Amino acid sequence: MSKVTGFVTRGAGLQRELLVFRHPLAGVQLPAGTVEPGEAAEAAVLREVWEETGLKDVRLQRKLATIEELTEPKARMLTRVVRFHSEPDEAAPCLDIPLGGGMVVQQLGRGNVVQLQETTIRHARVVYTVYDLQGERLIVSEIVTGWVPAEALAARVQRHLFHLQSTAPTPDRWTWKGDLDLDFQLYWVPLSQNPGLMQWQDRWLECVLEQLQNAER
């Protein structure tokens, strides 16, 4: 399974800035997502940037790195949309999955991470942890346990990190409708400052920060 992250910048040299957004349920993030079947990683990162920021006037500069994720022994990533069932049976009742902020869904999309508990021949019992954003901290608010198809889980994920450059004037701040019709608050942060990314995304930035700071326009 492959995922992508877009490091979108504007300006050059010491004035170069990085685009981030505040997700109302999950804190400060970079544009990122899952490569669709048959889709090139380069196309996927451009699509994800558009879907999560609204920017179309961006130029793909280069791939910065490819890293492997899900190193925890029990961590698994969903490879497709699934429902959580109360028993290892597709006919069993579906469970409600809270997303924080009072939102409840009955399915999780590709790319969500769960923890594996046990497996049968065709099904896996997994745990999904729900977080609430309290100030600048993500707090565990609920844990959901259910059964999903075993073939919908991936144990290893490759993440491709790309540098993209804004090619048209942009506002300093704007709002964009993201996943589940949530308002994403987008803004630029100088590369010389810590943008306060959610805990696993700050590792992505650490991997490529020097390349971004020294990149040609």
Protein backbone atom coordinates (compact mmCIF):
# COMPACT_ATOMS: atom_id res chain seq x y z
CA MET A 1 0.00 0.00 0.00
CA SER A 2 1.28 3.47 -0.85
CA LYS A 3 0.56 6.88 0.62
CA VAL A 4 1.76 10.40 -0.23
CA THR A 5 2.47 13.65 1.58
CA GLY A 6 2.80 17.05 -0.08
CA PHE A 7 5.18 19.70 1.24
CA VAL A 8 3.81 22.76 -0.55
CA THR A 9 6.00 25.86 -0.33
CA ARG A 10 5.96 29.44 -1.55
CA GLY A 11 8.78 31.94 -1.76
CA ALA A 12 12.49 31.14 -1.82
CA GLY A 13 15.56 31.17 0.38
CA LEU A 14 15.07 32.45 3.92
CA GLN A 15 11.54 33.62 2.99
CA ARG A 16 10.32 30.14 1.98
CA GLU A 17 7.09 29.12 3.75
CA LEU A 18 5.33 25.80 4.18
CA LEU A 19 1.59 25.26 3.77
CA VAL A 20 -0.21 23.53 6.65
CA PHE A 21 -3.82 23.30 7.76
CA ARG A 22 -5.66 22.92 11.04
CA HIS A 23 -8.05 19.98 11.01
CA PRO A 24 -10.89 20.72 13.48
CA LEU A 25 -10.70 17.20 14.95
CA ALA A 26 -7.03 16.27 14.57
CA GLY A 27 -4.75 19.31 14.80
CA VAL A 28 -2.20 20.80 12.41
CA GLN A 29 -1.44 18.68 9.35
CA LEU A 30 0.17 18.50 5.92
CA PRO A 31 -1.78 17.51 2.78
CA ALA A 32 -1.57 13.71 2.66
CA GLY A 33 -3.52 10.64 1.61
CA THR A 34 -3.66 7.26 -0.06
CA VAL A 35 -2.64 6.36 -3.63
CA GLU A 36 -5.66 4.97 -5.46
CA PRO A 37 -5.40 1.67 -7.38
CA GLY A 38 -3.67 2.27 -10.71
CA GLU A 39 -2.72 5.84 -9.75
CA ALA A 40 0.85 7.15 -9.92
CA ALA A 41 2.21 8.62 -6.69
CA GLU A 42 2.89 11.92 -8.47
CA ALA A 43 -0.75 12.16 -9.56
CA ALA A 44 -1.93 11.17 -6.09
CA VAL A 45 -0.04 13.95 -4.31
CA LEU A 46 -1.41 16.59 -6.71
CA ARG A 47 -4.93 15.24 -6.14
CA GLU A 48 -4.53 15.19 -2.36
CA VAL A 49 -3.20 18.75 -2.34
CA TRP A 50 -6.24 19.87 -4.33
CA GLU A 51 -8.71 17.93 -2.16
CA GLU A 52 -7.30 19.23 1.14
CA THR A 53 -6.25 22.79 0.22
CA GLY A 54 -8.09 23.81 -2.97
CA LEU A 55 -4.79 24.73 -4.66
CA LYS A 56 -4.45 23.85 -8.33
CA ASP A 57 -1.63 26.24 -9.24
CA VAL A 58 1.19 24.11 -7.86
CA ARG A 59 4.20 22.59 -9.57
CA LEU A 60 5.61 19.22 -8.57
CA GLN A 61 9.27 19.89 -7.83
CA ARG A 62 10.69 16.51 -6.86
CA LYS A 63 10.30 13.45 -4.69
CA LEU A 64 12.08 14.07 -1.41
CA ALA A 65 12.03 10.60 0.16
CA THR A 66 10.21 7.31 0.53
CA ILE A 67 9.79 5.99 4.05
CA GLU A 68 8.22 2.85 5.51
CA GLU A 69 5.51 3.19 8.14
CA LEU A 70 3.55 0.89 10.47
CA THR A 71 6.54 -0.47 12.32
CA GLU A 72 4.48 -1.35 15.42
CA PRO A 73 3.90 -5.14 15.51
CA LYS A 74 0.10 -4.89 15.76
CA ALA A 75 -0.49 -1.80 13.63
CA ARG A 76 -2.43 -2.28 10.39
CA MET A 77 -3.72 0.15 7.77
CA LEU A 78 -7.06 -0.23 6.01
CA THR A 79 -6.68 -0.78 2.27
CA ARG A 80 -10.34 -0.08 1.51
CA VAL A 81 -13.53 1.20 3.08
CA VAL A 82 -14.77 -1.19 5.78
CA ARG A 83 -17.54 -1.48 8.34
CA PHE A 84 -16.92 -2.71 11.87
CA HIS A 85 -19.07 -5.73 12.68
CA SER A 86 -19.94 -7.06 16.11
CA GLU A 87 -18.99 -10.62 15.07
CA PRO A 88 -16.68 -12.18 12.41
CA ASP A 89 -19.57 -12.29 9.97
CA GLU A 90 -20.51 -9.81 7.22
CA ALA A 91 -24.16 -10.27 8.21
CA ALA A 92 -23.52 -9.26 11.84
CA PRO A 93 -24.69 -5.83 13.04
CA CYS A 94 -22.46 -2.86 12.16
CA LEU A 95 -21.01 -0.74 14.95
CA ASP A 96 -21.14 3.03 15.19
CA ILE A 97 -17.73 4.69 14.99
CA PRO A 98 -17.43 8.12 16.66
CA LEU A 99 -14.99 10.53 15.04
CA GLY A 100 -14.89 13.18 17.74
CA GLY A 101 -16.78 16.43 17.81
CA GLY A 102 -20.06 14.53 18.00
CA MET A 103 -19.68 12.95 14.56
CA VAL A 104 -20.57 9.28 14.11
CA VAL A 105 -20.07 7.07 11.02
CA GLN A 106 -20.60 3.39 10.23
CA GLN A 107 -17.52 2.87 8.08
CA LEU A 108 -13.84 3.81 7.97
CA GLY A 109 -12.01 4.75 4.80
CA ARG A 110 -8.72 3.64 3.30
CA GLY A 111 -5.63 4.76 5.16
CA ASN A 112 -7.01 4.64 8.70
CA VAL A 113 -4.79 2.83 11.19
CA VAL A 114 -6.09 0.13 13.54
CA GLN A 115 -4.52 -2.29 15.99
CA LEU A 116 -4.83 -6.01 15.29
CA GLN A 117 -6.09 -8.21 18.14
CA GLU A 118 -6.88 -11.59 16.60
CA THR A 119 -7.73 -13.22 13.29
CA THR A 120 -9.86 -15.99 11.85
CA ILE A 121 -9.51 -17.37 8.34
CA ARG A 122 -11.39 -14.45 6.79
CA HIS A 123 -11.80 -11.81 9.48
CA ALA A 124 -9.73 -9.78 11.92
CA ARG A 125 -10.69 -8.25 15.23
CA VAL A 126 -9.25 -4.75 15.40
CA VAL A 127 -9.24 -1.73 17.66
CA TYR A 128 -9.72 1.81 16.39
CA THR A 129 -8.74 4.64 18.73
CA VAL A 130 -10.72 7.87 18.53
CA TYR A 131 -9.03 11.12 19.56
CA ASP A 132 -10.43 14.51 20.52
CA LEU A 133 -8.47 17.70 20.01
CA GLN A 134 -8.22 19.60 23.30
CA GLY A 135 -6.23 22.75 22.85
CA GLU A 136 -3.04 21.58 21.15
CA ARG A 137 -3.23 18.01 22.44
CA LEU A 138 -4.92 14.90 21.05
CA ILE A 139 -6.67 13.04 23.85
CA VAL A 140 -8.03 9.49 23.57
CA SER A 141 -11.81 9.86 23.77
CA GLU A 142 -13.06 6.39 22.84
CA ILE A 143 -11.89 2.96 21.69
CA VAL A 144 -13.95 0.95 19.21
CA THR A 145 -13.41 -2.80 18.78
CA GLY A 146 -14.93 -4.76 15.89
CA TRP A 147 -14.45 -7.28 13.12
CA VAL A 148 -13.34 -6.40 9.56
CA PRO A 149 -12.29 -8.49 6.53
CA ALA A 150 -8.71 -9.69 7.08
CA GLU A 151 -7.77 -8.98 3.45
CA ALA A 152 -8.55 -5.28 4.01
CA LEU A 153 -5.51 -4.83 6.28
CA ALA A 154 -1.92 -3.94 5.32
CA ALA A 155 1.04 -4.48 7.63
CA ARG A 156 3.49 -2.25 5.76
CA VAL A 157 2.98 1.07 4.01
CA GLN A 158 5.33 3.08 1.83
CA ARG A 159 4.93 6.84 2.10
CA HIS A 160 6.26 9.05 -0.70
CA LEU A 161 7.20 12.60 0.32
CA PHE A 162 7.04 15.27 -2.40
CA HIS A 163 8.01 18.93 -2.65
CA LEU A 164 5.51 21.11 -4.50
CA GLN A 165 5.82 24.84 -5.21
CA SER A 166 2.93 27.28 -5.37
CA THR A 167 2.96 28.98 -8.80
CA ALA A 168 0.29 31.64 -8.26
CA PRO A 169 -0.43 34.25 -5.57
CA THR A 170 -2.23 32.80 -2.57
CA PRO A 171 -3.77 34.38 0.53
CA ASP A 172 -1.96 34.08 3.82
CA ARG A 173 -4.95 32.25 5.28
CA TRP A 174 -8.10 30.65 3.90
CA THR A 175 -10.74 28.03 4.68
CA TRP A 176 -11.40 24.92 2.58
CA LYS A 177 -14.04 22.20 2.90
CA GLY A 178 -12.17 18.95 3.53
CA ASP A 179 -13.16 15.43 4.53
CA LEU A 180 -16.69 14.96 5.86
CA ASP A 181 -17.45 18.58 4.96
CA LEU A 182 -15.18 19.83 7.75
CA ASP A 183 -13.61 23.30 7.60
CA PHE A 184 -9.83 23.14 7.15
CA GLN A 185 -8.03 26.34 8.17
CA LEU A 186 -5.03 26.77 5.86
CA TYR A 187 -2.05 29.04 6.44
CA TRP A 188 1.67 29.43 5.68
CA VAL A 189 4.45 28.92 8.22
CA PRO A 190 8.10 29.96 7.76
CA LEU A 191 10.34 26.92 7.34
CA SER A 192 12.51 28.37 10.10
CA GLN A 193 9.66 27.87 12.60
CA ASN A 194 8.12 24.77 14.15
CA PRO A 195 4.61 24.47 12.63
CA GLY A 196 3.33 22.32 15.50
CA LEU A 197 2.34 19.34 13.35
CA MET A 198 0.52 16.35 14.84
CA GLN A 199 2.98 13.93 16.38
CA TRP A 200 3.61 11.48 13.53
CA GLN A 201 3.71 14.17 10.82
CA ASP A 202 6.50 16.09 12.51
CA ARG A 203 8.73 13.10 11.74
CA TRP A 204 7.97 13.49 8.04
CA LEU A 205 9.02 17.14 8.15
CA GLU A 206 12.18 16.31 10.08
CA CYS A 207 13.17 13.87 7.29
CA VAL A 208 13.02 16.50 4.55
CA LEU A 209 13.41 19.89 6.24
CA GLU A 210 16.99 20.47 5.12
CA GLN A 211 16.08 19.62 1.51
CA LEU A 212 13.16 22.06 1.60
CA GLN A 213 15.27 24.85 3.07
CA ASN A 214 18.00 24.40 0.46
CA ALA A 215 15.79 23.71 -2.56
CA GLU A 216 16.04 25.92 -5.61
CA ARG A 217 12.94 27.85 -6.54
